[in-house]
């Protein structure tokens, strides 16, 4: 007896669960609290999200790390998206400029911002 496998893909709005056609899905990528997210929405809900976040994005400053509202890296690494060598150089610069920073662990965002502003 022959076997036939049929795969059915259903698209839904992640926010309200409403069914969508393949061409109606709008995948929105964003960052919050140092984490990156992705959500599939209908045009209606994507427009609502854009309207809600637009004033905040308009007042925010873009980071040099290129994260936040864009595609997140899929590779493991440092949480800051910077290489170990770059983090070592940042720590050295911070110390040379009067900032206290540990030898290990996460560098606070305020210190990374100070480094980025100076470079």
PDB file of N, CA and C in Angstrom:
ATOM      1  N   UNK A   1       0.847  -1.166   0.000  1.00  0.00           N
ATOM      2  CA  UNK A   1       0.000   0.000   0.000  1.00  0.00           C
ATOM      3  C   UNK A   1       0.900   1.239   0.000  1.00  0.00           C
ATOM      4  N   UNK A   2       0.591   2.197  -0.844  1.00  0.00           N
ATOM      5  CA  UNK A   2       1.353   3.446  -0.934  1.00  0.00           C
ATOM      6  C   UNK A   2       0.935   4.383   0.191  1.00  0.00           C
ATOM      7  N   UNK A   3       1.882   5.169   0.612  1.00  0.00           N
ATOM      8  CA  UNK A   3       1.595   6.123   1.677  1.00  0.00           C
ATOM      9  C   UNK A   3       1.831   7.525   1.133  1.00  0.00           C
ATOM     10  N   UNK A   4       0.910   8.407   1.389  1.00  0.00           N
ATOM     11  CA  UNK A   4       1.012   9.790   0.942  1.00  0.00           C
ATOM     12  C   UNK A   4       0.972  10.685   2.174  1.00  0.00           C
ATOM     13  N   UNK A   5       1.957  11.555   2.295  1.00  0.00           N
ATOM     14  CA  UNK A   5       1.990  12.482   3.421  1.00  0.00           C
ATOM     15  C   UNK A   5       1.568  13.849   2.916  1.00  0.00           C
ATOM     16  N   UNK A   6       0.565  14.393   3.556  1.00  0.00           N
ATOM     17  CA  UNK A   6       0.066  15.716   3.194  1.00  0.00           C
ATOM     18  C   UNK A   6       0.326  16.643   4.369  1.00  0.00           C
ATOM     19  N   UNK A   7       1.001  17.735   4.076  1.00  0.00           N
ATOM     20  CA  UNK A   7       1.301  18.708   5.121  1.00  0.00           C
ATOM     21  C   UNK A   7       0.416  19.925   4.908  1.00  0.00           C
ATOM     22  N   UNK A   8      -0.270  20.312   5.961  1.00  0.00           N
ATOM     23  CA  UNK A   8      -1.144  21.474   5.906  1.00  0.00           C
ATOM     24  C   UNK A   8      -0.535  22.560   6.788  1.00  0.00           C
ATOM     25  N   UNK A   9      -0.361  23.738   6.210  1.00  0.00           N
ATOM     26  CA  UNK A   9       0.170  24.870   6.960  1.00  0.00           C
ATOM     27  C   UNK A   9      -0.945  25.889   7.109  1.00  0.00           C
ATOM     28  N   UNK A  10      -1.228  26.235   8.344  1.00  0.00           N
ATOM     29  CA  UNK A  10      -2.233  27.256   8.623  1.00  0.00           C
ATOM     30  C   UNK A  10      -1.523  28.462   9.207  1.00  0.00           C
ATOM     31  N   UNK A  11      -1.863  29.629   8.703  1.00  0.00           N
ATOM     32  CA  UNK A  11      -1.284  30.870   9.200  1.00  0.00           C
ATOM     33  C   UNK A  11      -2.298  31.553  10.095  1.00  0.00           C
ATOM     34  N   UNK A  12      -1.808  32.024  11.247  1.00  0.00           N
ATOM     35  CA  UNK A  12      -2.689  32.738  12.174  1.00  0.00           C
ATOM     36  C   UNK A  12      -1.965  33.970  12.704  1.00  0.00           C
ATOM     37  N   UNK A  13      -2.751  34.946  13.078  1.00  0.00           N
ATOM     38  CA  UNK A  13      -2.238  36.147  13.731  1.00  0.00           C
ATOM     39  C   UNK A  13      -1.861  35.744  15.156  1.00  0.00           C
ATOM     40  N   UNK A  14      -0.600  35.945  15.534  1.00  0.00           N
ATOM     41  CA  UNK A  14      -0.140  35.544  16.867  1.00  0.00           C
ATOM     42  C   UNK A  14      -0.822  36.319  17.985  1.00  0.00           C
ATOM     43  N   UNK A  15      -1.335  37.506  17.694  1.00  0.00           N
ATOM     44  CA  UNK A  15      -1.951  38.327  18.727  1.00  0.00           C
ATOM     45  C   UNK A  15      -3.382  37.902  19.019  1.00  0.00           C
ATOM     46  N   UNK A  16      -4.186  37.762  17.967  1.00  0.00           N
ATOM     47  CA  UNK A  16      -5.608  37.472  18.196  1.00  0.00           C
ATOM     48  C   UNK A  16      -6.059  36.098  17.702  1.00  0.00           C
ATOM     49  N   UNK A  17      -5.148  35.338  17.094  1.00  0.00           N
ATOM     50  CA  UNK A  17      -5.480  33.992  16.658  1.00  0.00           C
ATOM     51  C   UNK A  17      -6.307  33.903  15.391  1.00  0.00           C
ATOM     52  N   UNK A  18      -6.568  35.023  14.735  1.00  0.00           N
ATOM     53  CA  UNK A  18      -7.391  34.993  13.524  1.00  0.00           C
ATOM     54  C   UNK A  18      -6.624  34.333  12.380  1.00  0.00           C
ATOM     55  N   UNK A  19      -7.336  33.566  11.532  1.00  0.00           N
ATOM     56  CA  UNK A  19      -6.676  32.886  10.414  1.00  0.00           C
ATOM     57  C   UNK A  19      -6.233  33.892   9.347  1.00  0.00           C
ATOM     58  N   UNK A  20      -5.103  33.588   8.701  1.00  0.00           N
ATOM     59  CA  UNK A  20      -4.557  34.452   7.653  1.00  0.00           C
ATOM     60  C   UNK A  20      -4.193  33.612   6.441  1.00  0.00           C
ATOM     61  N   UNK A  21      -4.248  34.222   5.283  1.00  0.00           N
ATOM     62  CA  UNK A  21      -3.731  33.597   4.071  1.00  0.00           C
ATOM     63  C   UNK A  21      -2.220  33.822   4.062  1.00  0.00           C
ATOM     64  N   UNK A  22      -1.493  33.009   3.322  1.00  0.00           N
ATOM     65  CA  UNK A  22      -0.032  33.107   3.316  1.00  0.00           C
ATOM     66  C   UNK A  22       0.447  34.527   2.990  1.00  0.00           C
ATOM     67  N   UNK A  23      -0.133  35.176   2.029  1.00  0.00           N
ATOM     68  CA  UNK A  23       0.282  36.517   1.629  1.00  0.00           C
ATOM     69  C   UNK A  23      -0.123  37.614   2.595  1.00  0.00           C
ATOM     70  N   UNK A  24      -0.943  37.298   3.584  1.00  0.00           N
ATOM     71  CA  UNK A  24      -1.412  38.299   4.544  1.00  0.00           C
ATOM     72  C   UNK A  24      -0.531  38.395   5.790  1.00  0.00           C
ATOM     73  N   UNK A  25       0.359  37.449   5.972  1.00  0.00           N
ATOM     74  CA  UNK A  25       1.180  37.400   7.183  1.00  0.00           C
ATOM     75  C   UNK A  25       2.260  38.477   7.128  1.00  0.00           C
ATOM     76  N   UNK A  26       2.333  39.290   8.165  1.00  0.00           N
ATOM     77  CA  UNK A  26       3.397  40.281   8.298  1.00  0.00           C
ATOM     78  C   UNK A  26       4.217  39.910   9.530  1.00  0.00           C
ATOM     79  N   UNK A  27       5.439  39.475   9.305  1.00  0.00           N
ATOM     80  CA  UNK A  27       6.318  39.110  10.406  1.00  0.00           C
ATOM     81  C   UNK A  27       7.036  40.367  10.883  1.00  0.00           C
ATOM     82  N   UNK A  28       6.833  40.703  12.145  1.00  0.00           N
ATOM     83  CA  UNK A  28       7.416  41.906  12.732  1.00  0.00           C
ATOM     84  C   UNK A  28       8.494  41.475  13.720  1.00  0.00           C
ATOM     85  N   UNK A  29       9.676  42.037  13.571  1.00  0.00           N
ATOM     86  CA  UNK A  29      10.787  41.748  14.473  1.00  0.00           C
ATOM     87  C   UNK A  29      11.066  42.997  15.289  1.00  0.00           C
ATOM     88  N   UNK A  30      11.304  42.808  16.583  1.00  0.00           N
ATOM     89  CA  UNK A  30      11.568  43.948  17.453  1.00  0.00           C
ATOM     90  C   UNK A  30      12.391  43.497  18.648  1.00  0.00           C
ATOM     91  N   UNK A  31      12.949  44.469  19.355  1.00  0.00           N
ATOM     92  CA  UNK A  31      13.732  44.170  20.542  1.00  0.00           C
ATOM     93  C   UNK A  31      13.171  44.899  21.741  1.00  0.00           C
ATOM     94  N   UNK A  32      13.325  44.272  22.899  1.00  0.00           N
ATOM     95  CA  UNK A  32      12.859  44.886  24.145  1.00  0.00           C
ATOM     96  C   UNK A  32      13.645  44.282  25.293  1.00  0.00           C
ATOM     97  N   UNK A  33      14.178  45.120  26.148  1.00  0.00           N
ATOM     98  CA  UNK A  33      14.888  44.634  27.331  1.00  0.00           C
ATOM     99  C   UNK A  33      16.083  43.763  27.017  1.00  0.00           C
ATOM    100  N   UNK A  34      16.742  44.026  25.899  1.00  0.00           N
ATOM    101  CA  UNK A  34      17.918  43.253  25.531  1.00  0.00           C
ATOM    102  C   UNK A  34      17.623  41.953  24.814  1.00  0.00           C
ATOM    103  N   UNK A  35      16.343  41.635  24.617  1.00  0.00           N
ATOM    104  CA  UNK A  35      15.963  40.411  23.913  1.00  0.00           C
ATOM    105  C   UNK A  35      15.327  40.777  22.575  1.00  0.00           C
ATOM    106  N   UNK A  36      15.424  39.880  21.614  1.00  0.00           N
ATOM    107  CA  UNK A  36      14.818  40.083  20.304  1.00  0.00           C
ATOM    108  C   UNK A  36      13.601  39.183  20.163  1.00  0.00           C
ATOM    109  N   UNK A  37      12.583  39.707  19.507  1.00  0.00           N
ATOM    110  CA  UNK A  37      11.322  38.991  19.350  1.00  0.00           C
ATOM    111  C   UNK A  37      10.865  39.042  17.901  1.00  0.00           C
ATOM    112  N   UNK A  38       9.974  38.131  17.559  1.00  0.00           N
ATOM    113  CA  UNK A  38       9.368  38.079  16.241  1.00  0.00           C
ATOM    114  C   UNK A  38       7.922  37.658  16.430  1.00  0.00           C
ATOM    115  N   UNK A  39       7.011  38.324  15.728  1.00  0.00           N
ATOM    116  CA  UNK A  39       5.596  38.014  15.848  1.00  0.00           C
ATOM    117  C   UNK A  39       4.958  38.098  14.465  1.00  0.00           C
ATOM    118  N   UNK A  40       4.067  37.158  14.150  1.00  0.00           N
ATOM    119  CA  UNK A  40       3.334  37.165  12.885  1.00  0.00           C
ATOM    120  C   UNK A  40       1.988  37.820  13.116  1.00  0.00           C
ATOM    121  N   UNK A  41       1.701  38.850  12.321  1.00  0.00           N
ATOM    122  CA  UNK A  41       0.482  39.632  12.510  1.00  0.00           C
ATOM    123  C   UNK A  41      -0.247  39.852  11.193  1.00  0.00           C
ATOM    124  N   UNK A  42      -1.530  40.156  11.319  1.00  0.00           N
ATOM    125  CA  UNK A  42      -2.298  40.634  10.171  1.00  0.00           C
ATOM    126  C   UNK A  42      -1.871  42.072   9.907  1.00  0.00           C
ATOM    127  N   UNK A  43      -2.212  42.599   8.744  1.00  0.00           N
ATOM    128  CA  UNK A  43      -1.887  43.998   8.441  1.00  0.00           C
ATOM    129  C   UNK A  43      -2.503  44.920   9.482  1.00  0.00           C
ATOM    130  N   UNK A  44      -3.738  44.632   9.870  1.00  0.00           N
ATOM    131  CA  UNK A  44      -4.439  45.462  10.859  1.00  0.00           C
ATOM    132  C   UNK A  44      -3.659  45.531  12.173  1.00  0.00           C
ATOM    133  N   UNK A  45      -3.239  44.379  12.684  1.00  0.00           N
ATOM    134  CA  UNK A  45      -2.513  44.361  13.956  1.00  0.00           C
ATOM    135  C   UNK A  45      -1.082  44.880  13.813  1.00  0.00           C
ATOM    136  N   UNK A  46      -0.453  44.658  12.656  1.00  0.00           N
ATOM    137  CA  UNK A  46       0.882  45.218  12.425  1.00  0.00           C
ATOM    138  C   UNK A  46       0.807  46.743  12.399  1.00  0.00           C
ATOM    139  N   UNK A  47      -0.239  47.281  11.775  1.00  0.00           N
ATOM    140  CA  UNK A  47      -0.425  48.737  11.741  1.00  0.00           C
ATOM    141  C   UNK A  47      -0.668  49.290  13.146  1.00  0.00           C
ATOM    142  N   UNK A  48      -1.430  48.551  13.961  1.00  0.00           N
ATOM    143  CA  UNK A  48      -1.680  48.986  15.345  1.00  0.00           C
ATOM    144  C   UNK A  48      -0.370  49.028  16.139  1.00  0.00           C
ATOM    145  N   UNK A  49       0.437  47.974  15.993  1.00  0.00           N
ATOM    146  CA  UNK A  49       1.720  47.925  16.698  1.00  0.00           C
ATOM    147  C   UNK A  49       2.611  49.081  16.254  1.00  0.00           C
ATOM    148  N   UNK A  50       2.655  49.329  14.951  1.00  0.00           N
ATOM    149  CA  UNK A  50       3.475  50.429  14.442  1.00  0.00           C
ATOM    150  C   UNK A  50       3.008  51.766  15.008  1.00  0.00           C
ATOM    151  N   UNK A  51       1.694  51.980  15.053  1.00  0.00           N
ATOM    152  CA  UNK A  51       1.155  53.235  15.584  1.00  0.00           C
ATOM    153  C   UNK A  51       1.502  53.403  17.066  1.00  0.00           C
ATOM    154  N   UNK A  52       1.485  52.303  17.813  1.00  0.00           N
ATOM    155  CA  UNK A  52       1.810  52.365  19.243  1.00  0.00           C
ATOM    156  C   UNK A  52       3.286  52.665  19.495  1.00  0.00           C
ATOM    157  N   UNK A  53       4.151  52.053  18.710  1.00  0.00           N
ATOM    158  CA  UNK A  53       5.585  52.166  18.984  1.00  0.00           C
ATOM    159  C   UNK A  53       6.237  53.354  18.279  1.00  0.00           C
ATOM    160  N   UNK A  54       5.587  53.875  17.251  1.00  0.00           N
ATOM    161  CA  UNK A  54       6.180  54.947  16.442  1.00  0.00           C
ATOM    162  C   UNK A  54       6.636  56.157  17.265  1.00  0.00           C
ATOM    163  N   UNK A  55       5.839  56.665  18.224  1.00  0.00           N
ATOM    164  CA  UNK A  55       6.313  57.810  19.006  1.00  0.00           C
ATOM    165  C   UNK A  55       7.578  57.496  19.812  1.00  0.00           C
ATOM    166  N   UNK A  56       7.688  56.269  20.299  1.00  0.00           N
ATOM    167  CA  UNK A  56       8.860  55.881  21.080  1.00  0.00           C
ATOM    168  C   UNK A  56      10.088  55.753  20.182  1.00  0.00           C
ATOM    169  N   UNK A  57       9.904  55.136  19.020  1.00  0.00           N
ATOM    170  CA  UNK A  57      11.012  54.985  18.082  1.00  0.00           C
ATOM    171  C   UNK A  57      11.471  56.359  17.601  1.00  0.00           C
ATOM    172  N   UNK A  58      10.517  57.260  17.384  1.00  0.00           N
ATOM    173  CA  UNK A  58      10.855  58.603  16.942  1.00  0.00           C
ATOM    174  C   UNK A  58      11.663  59.386  17.960  1.00  0.00           C
ATOM    175  N   UNK A  59      11.513  59.064  19.227  1.00  0.00           N
ATOM    176  CA  UNK A  59      12.238  59.759  20.291  1.00  0.00           C
ATOM    177  C   UNK A  59      13.496  59.016  20.734  1.00  0.00           C
ATOM    178  N   UNK A  60      13.640  57.785  20.297  1.00  0.00           N
ATOM    179  CA  UNK A  60      14.776  56.955  20.724  1.00  0.00           C
ATOM    180  C   UNK A  60      16.005  57.241  19.871  1.00  0.00           C
ATOM    181  N   UNK A  61      17.137  56.776  20.349  1.00  0.00           N
ATOM    182  CA  UNK A  61      18.353  56.842  19.544  1.00  0.00           C
ATOM    183  C   UNK A  61      18.704  55.422  19.119  1.00  0.00           C
ATOM    184  N   UNK A  62      19.194  55.302  17.933  1.00  0.00           N
ATOM    185  CA  UNK A  62      19.573  54.009  17.389  1.00  0.00           C
ATOM    186  C   UNK A  62      20.910  53.599  17.993  1.00  0.00           C
ATOM    187  N   UNK A  63      21.044  52.341  18.343  1.00  0.00           N
ATOM    188  CA  UNK A  63      22.300  51.872  18.927  1.00  0.00           C
ATOM    189  C   UNK A  63      23.244  51.421  17.831  1.00  0.00           C
ATOM    190  N   UNK A  64      24.521  51.453  18.126  1.00  0.00           N
ATOM    191  CA  UNK A  64      25.511  51.038  17.135  1.00  0.00           C
ATOM    192  C   UNK A  64      25.570  49.526  16.997  1.00  0.00           C
ATOM    193  N   UNK A  65      24.926  48.831  17.912  1.00  0.00           N
ATOM    194  CA  UNK A  65      24.940  47.370  17.859  1.00  0.00           C
ATOM    195  C   UNK A  65      24.027  46.835  16.777  1.00  0.00           C
ATOM    196  N   UNK A  66      23.129  47.664  16.233  1.00  0.00           N
ATOM    197  CA  UNK A  66      22.268  47.214  15.158  1.00  0.00           C
ATOM    198  C   UNK A  66      21.200  46.238  15.593  1.00  0.00           C
ATOM    199  N   UNK A  67      20.852  46.246  16.872  1.00  0.00           N
ATOM    200  CA  UNK A  67      19.824  45.331  17.349  1.00  0.00           C
ATOM    201  C   UNK A  67      18.567  46.123  17.610  1.00  0.00           C
ATOM    202  N   UNK A  68      17.712  45.670  18.418  1.00  0.00           N
ATOM    203  CA  UNK A  68      16.490  46.390  18.719  1.00  0.00           C
ATOM    204  C   UNK A  68      15.374  46.003  17.791  1.00  0.00           C
ATOM    205  N   UNK A  69      15.109  46.795  16.768  1.00  0.00           N
ATOM    206  CA  UNK A  69      13.986  46.525  15.896  1.00  0.00           C
ATOM    207  C   UNK A  69      14.340  45.754  14.658  1.00  0.00           C
ATOM    208  N   UNK A  70      15.506  45.147  14.612  1.00  0.00           N
ATOM    209  CA  UNK A  70      15.890  44.430  13.416  1.00  0.00           C
ATOM    210  C   UNK A  70      16.108  42.960  13.730  1.00  0.00           C
ATOM    211  N   UNK A  71      16.591  42.241  12.752  1.00  0.00           N
ATOM    212  CA  UNK A  71      16.787  40.804  12.890  1.00  0.00           C
ATOM    213  C   UNK A  71      17.815  40.496  13.967  1.00  0.00           C
ATOM    214  N   UNK A  72      17.512  39.566  14.816  1.00  0.00           N
ATOM    215  CA  UNK A  72      18.428  39.151  15.875  1.00  0.00           C
ATOM    216  C   UNK A  72      19.375  38.088  15.348  1.00  0.00           C
ATOM    217  N   UNK A  73      20.553  38.045  15.896  1.00  0.00           N
ATOM    218  CA  UNK A  73      21.525  37.038  15.525  1.00  0.00           C
ATOM    219  C   UNK A  73      21.065  35.674  16.024  1.00  0.00           C
ATOM    220  N   UNK A  74      21.246  34.642  15.225  1.00  0.00           N
ATOM    221  CA  UNK A  74      20.868  33.287  15.613  1.00  0.00           C
ATOM    222  C   UNK A  74      22.041  32.538  16.237  1.00  0.00           C
ATOM    223  N   UNK A  75      23.233  33.144  16.222  1.00  0.00           N
ATOM    224  CA  UNK A  75      24.400  32.449  16.764  1.00  0.00           C
ATOM    225  C   UNK A  75      24.594  32.797  18.233  1.00  0.00           C
ATOM    226  N   UNK A  76      25.077  31.841  19.007  1.00  0.00           N
ATOM    227  CA  UNK A  76      25.364  32.164  20.397  1.00  0.00           C
ATOM    228  C   UNK A  76      26.598  33.050  20.463  1.00  0.00           C
ATOM    229  N   UNK A  77      26.717  33.799  21.506  1.00  0.00           N
ATOM    230  CA  UNK A  77      27.880  34.659  21.659  1.00  0.00           C
ATOM    231  C   UNK A  77      27.682  35.534  22.867  1.00  0.00           C
ATOM    232  N   UNK A  78      28.383  36.642  22.873  1.00  0.00           N
ATOM    233  CA  UNK A  78      28.221  37.559  23.986  1.00  0.00           C
ATOM    234  C   UNK A  78      26.862  38.217  23.868  1.00  0.00           C
ATOM    235  N   UNK A  79      26.232  38.509  24.964  1.00  0.00           N
ATOM    236  CA  UNK A  79      24.905  39.110  24.955  1.00  0.00           C
ATOM    237  C   UNK A  79      24.875  40.477  24.308  1.00  0.00           C
ATOM    238  N   UNK A  80      26.019  41.146  24.240  1.00  0.00           N
ATOM    239  CA  UNK A  80      26.065  42.484  23.661  1.00  0.00           C
ATOM    240  C   UNK A  80      26.215  42.449  22.150  1.00  0.00           C
ATOM    241  N   UNK A  81      26.489  41.282  21.580  1.00  0.00           N
ATOM    242  CA  UNK A  81      26.702  41.192  20.147  1.00  0.00           C
ATOM    243  C   UNK A  81      28.106  41.616  19.738  1.00  0.00           C
ATOM    244  N   UNK A  82      28.992  41.774  20.693  1.00  0.00           N
ATOM    245  CA  UNK A  82      30.364  42.202  20.424  1.00  0.00           C
ATOM    246  C   UNK A  82      31.322  41.032  20.661  1.00  0.00           C
ATOM    247  N   UNK A  83      32.434  41.051  19.970  1.00  0.00           N
ATOM    248  CA  UNK A  83      33.413  39.974  20.124  1.00  0.00           C
ATOM    249  C   UNK A  83      34.119  40.089  21.479  1.00  0.00           C
ATOM    250  N   UNK A  84      34.751  38.993  21.887  1.00  0.00           N
ATOM    251  CA  UNK A  84      35.497  39.003  23.154  1.00  0.00           C
ATOM    252  C   UNK A  84      36.629  40.019  23.106  1.00  0.00           C
ATOM    253  N   UNK A  85      37.295  40.121  21.945  1.00  0.00           N
ATOM    254  CA  UNK A  85      38.381  41.097  21.814  1.00  0.00           C
ATOM    255  C   UNK A  85      37.860  42.523  21.945  1.00  0.00           C
ATOM    256  N   UNK A  86      36.698  42.793  21.336  1.00  0.00           N
ATOM    257  CA  UNK A  86      36.120  44.135  21.436  1.00  0.00           C
ATOM    258  C   UNK A  86      35.724  44.440  22.880  1.00  0.00           C
ATOM    259  N   UNK A  87      35.139  43.460  23.570  1.00  0.00           N
ATOM    260  CA  UNK A  87      34.760  43.674  24.968  1.00  0.00           C
ATOM    261  C   UNK A  87      35.984  43.926  25.847  1.00  0.00           C
ATOM    262  N   UNK A  88      37.076  43.226  25.567  1.00  0.00           N
ATOM    263  CA  UNK A  88      38.315  43.454  26.309  1.00  0.00           C
ATOM    264  C   UNK A  88      38.812  44.884  26.087  1.00  0.00           C
ATOM    265  N   UNK A  89      38.783  45.341  24.835  1.00  0.00           N
ATOM    266  CA  UNK A  89      39.210  46.710  24.519  1.00  0.00           C
ATOM    267  C   UNK A  89      38.293  47.733  25.183  1.00  0.00           C
ATOM    268  N   UNK A  90      37.001  47.444  25.224  1.00  0.00           N
ATOM    269  CA  UNK A  90      36.046  48.351  25.871  1.00  0.00           C
ATOM    270  C   UNK A  90      36.351  48.446  27.365  1.00  0.00           C
ATOM    271  N   UNK A  91      36.588  47.291  28.014  1.00  0.00           N
ATOM    272  CA  UNK A  91      36.916  47.291  29.444  1.00  0.00           C
ATOM    273  C   UNK A  91      38.180  48.120  29.716  1.00  0.00           C
ATOM    274  N   UNK A  92      39.191  47.951  28.863  1.00  0.00           N
ATOM    275  CA  UNK A  92      40.435  48.707  29.039  1.00  0.00           C
ATOM    276  C   UNK A  92      40.175  50.204  28.884  1.00  0.00           C
ATOM    277  N   UNK A  93      39.396  50.577  27.867  1.00  0.00           N
ATOM    278  CA  UNK A  93      39.078  51.997  27.658  1.00  0.00           C
ATOM    279  C   UNK A  93      38.302  52.555  28.846  1.00  0.00           C
ATOM    280  N   UNK A  94      37.317  51.793  29.325  1.00  0.00           N
ATOM    281  CA  UNK A  94      36.507  52.253  30.455  1.00  0.00           C
ATOM    282  C   UNK A  94      37.381  52.512  31.678  1.00  0.00           C
ATOM    283  N   UNK A  95      38.279  51.585  31.987  1.00  0.00           N
ATOM    284  CA  UNK A  95      39.167  51.758  33.143  1.00  0.00           C
ATOM    285  C   UNK A  95      40.084  52.970  32.955  1.00  0.00           C
ATOM    286  N   UNK A  96      40.625  53.124  31.742  1.00  0.00           N
ATOM    287  CA  UNK A  96      41.527  54.244  31.461  1.00  0.00           C
ATOM    288  C   UNK A  96      40.813  55.586  31.560  1.00  0.00           C
ATOM    289  N   UNK A  97      39.494  55.553  31.452  1.00  0.00           N
ATOM    290  CA  UNK A  97      38.712  56.785  31.506  1.00  0.00           C
ATOM    291  C   UNK A  97      37.911  56.915  32.795  1.00  0.00           C
ATOM    292  N   UNK A  98      38.367  56.222  33.849  1.00  0.00           N
ATOM    293  CA  UNK A  98      37.808  56.416  35.179  1.00  0.00           C
ATOM    294  C   UNK A  98      36.546  55.647  35.513  1.00  0.00           C
ATOM    295  N   UNK A  99      36.161  54.712  34.685  1.00  0.00           N
ATOM    296  CA  UNK A  99      34.961  53.917  34.966  1.00  0.00           C
ATOM    297  C   UNK A  99      35.359  52.624  35.675  1.00  0.00           C
ATOM    298  N   UNK A 100      34.512  52.169  36.584  1.00  0.00           N
ATOM    299  CA  UNK A 100      34.732  50.884  37.242  1.00  0.00           C
ATOM    300  C   UNK A 100      33.979  49.811  36.470  1.00  0.00           C
ATOM    301  N   UNK A 101      34.688  48.758  36.094  1.00  0.00           N
ATOM    302  CA  UNK A 101      34.073  47.661  35.352  1.00  0.00           C
ATOM    303  C   UNK A 101      34.751  46.360  35.774  1.00  0.00           C
ATOM    304  N   UNK A 102      33.961  45.308  35.920  1.00  0.00           N
ATOM    305  CA  UNK A 102      34.501  44.020  36.358  1.00  0.00           C
ATOM    306  C   UNK A 102      35.285  43.353  35.227  1.00  0.00           C
ATOM    307  N   UNK A 103      36.097  42.363  35.605  1.00  0.00           N
ATOM    308  CA  UNK A 103      36.868  41.615  34.613  1.00  0.00           C
ATOM    309  C   UNK A 103      36.001  40.638  33.834  1.00  0.00           C
ATOM    310  N   UNK A 104      34.898  40.231  34.438  1.00  0.00           N
ATOM    311  CA  UNK A 104      34.015  39.239  33.813  1.00  0.00           C
ATOM    312  C   UNK A 104      32.582  39.710  33.901  1.00  0.00           C
ATOM    313  N   UNK A 105      31.732  39.055  33.142  1.00  0.00           N
ATOM    314  CA  UNK A 105      30.303  39.347  33.204  1.00  0.00           C
ATOM    315  C   UNK A 105      29.887  40.460  32.257  1.00  0.00           C
ATOM    316  N   UNK A 106      28.630  40.791  32.359  1.00  0.00           N
ATOM    317  CA  UNK A 106      28.018  41.775  31.476  1.00  0.00           C
ATOM    318  C   UNK A 106      28.507  43.179  31.806  1.00  0.00           C
ATOM    319  N   UNK A 107      28.799  43.944  30.760  1.00  0.00           N
ATOM    320  CA  UNK A 107      29.142  45.357  30.933  1.00  0.00           C
ATOM    321  C   UNK A 107      27.828  46.129  30.892  1.00  0.00           C
ATOM    322  N   UNK A 108      27.547  46.950  31.906  1.00  0.00           N
ATOM    323  CA  UNK A 108      26.280  47.700  31.921  1.00  0.00           C
ATOM    324  C   UNK A 108      26.104  48.549  30.657  1.00  0.00           C
ATOM    325  N   UNK A 109      24.863  48.649  30.200  1.00  0.00           N
ATOM    326  CA  UNK A 109      24.558  49.380  28.976  1.00  0.00           C
ATOM    327  C   UNK A 109      25.023  50.830  29.046  1.00  0.00           C
ATOM    328  N   UNK A 110      24.930  51.451  30.220  1.00  0.00           N
ATOM    329  CA  UNK A 110      25.364  52.849  30.344  1.00  0.00           C
ATOM    330  C   UNK A 110      26.854  52.990  30.030  1.00  0.00           C
ATOM    331  N   UNK A 111      27.646  51.992  30.419  1.00  0.00           N
ATOM    332  CA  UNK A 111      29.078  52.034  30.124  1.00  0.00           C
ATOM    333  C   UNK A 111      29.344  51.757  28.649  1.00  0.00           C
ATOM    334  N   UNK A 112      28.591  50.821  28.065  1.00  0.00           N
ATOM    335  CA  UNK A 112      28.724  50.576  26.627  1.00  0.00           C
ATOM    336  C   UNK A 112      28.358  51.828  25.841  1.00  0.00           C
ATOM    337  N   UNK A 113      27.312  52.530  26.295  1.00  0.00           N
ATOM    338  CA  UNK A 113      26.901  53.778  25.637  1.00  0.00           C
ATOM    339  C   UNK A 113      28.000  54.828  25.738  1.00  0.00           C
ATOM    340  N   UNK A 114      28.652  54.926  26.902  1.00  0.00           N
ATOM    341  CA  UNK A 114      29.745  55.891  27.078  1.00  0.00           C
ATOM    342  C   UNK A 114      30.882  55.587  26.109  1.00  0.00           C
ATOM    343  N   UNK A 115      31.203  54.314  25.972  1.00  0.00           N
ATOM    344  CA  UNK A 115      32.252  53.906  25.030  1.00  0.00           C
ATOM    345  C   UNK A 115      31.841  54.241  23.596  1.00  0.00           C
ATOM    346  N   UNK A 116      30.612  53.870  23.226  1.00  0.00           N
ATOM    347  CA  UNK A 116      30.127  54.131  21.861  1.00  0.00           C
ATOM    348  C   UNK A 116      30.115  55.623  21.550  1.00  0.00           C
ATOM    349  N   UNK A 117      29.703  56.438  22.509  1.00  0.00           N
ATOM    350  CA  UNK A 117      29.651  57.889  22.301  1.00  0.00           C
ATOM    351  C   UNK A 117      31.043  58.472  22.058  1.00  0.00           C
ATOM    352  N   UNK A 118      32.055  57.869  22.683  1.00  0.00           N
ATOM    353  CA  UNK A 118      33.422  58.373  22.546  1.00  0.00           C
ATOM    354  C   UNK A 118      34.107  57.883  21.268  1.00  0.00           C
ATOM    355  N   UNK A 119      33.528  56.892  20.636  1.00  0.00           N
ATOM    356  CA  UNK A 119      34.178  56.325  19.446  1.00  0.00           C
ATOM    357  C   UNK A 119      33.352  56.532  18.242  1.00  0.00           C
TER     358      UNK A 119
END
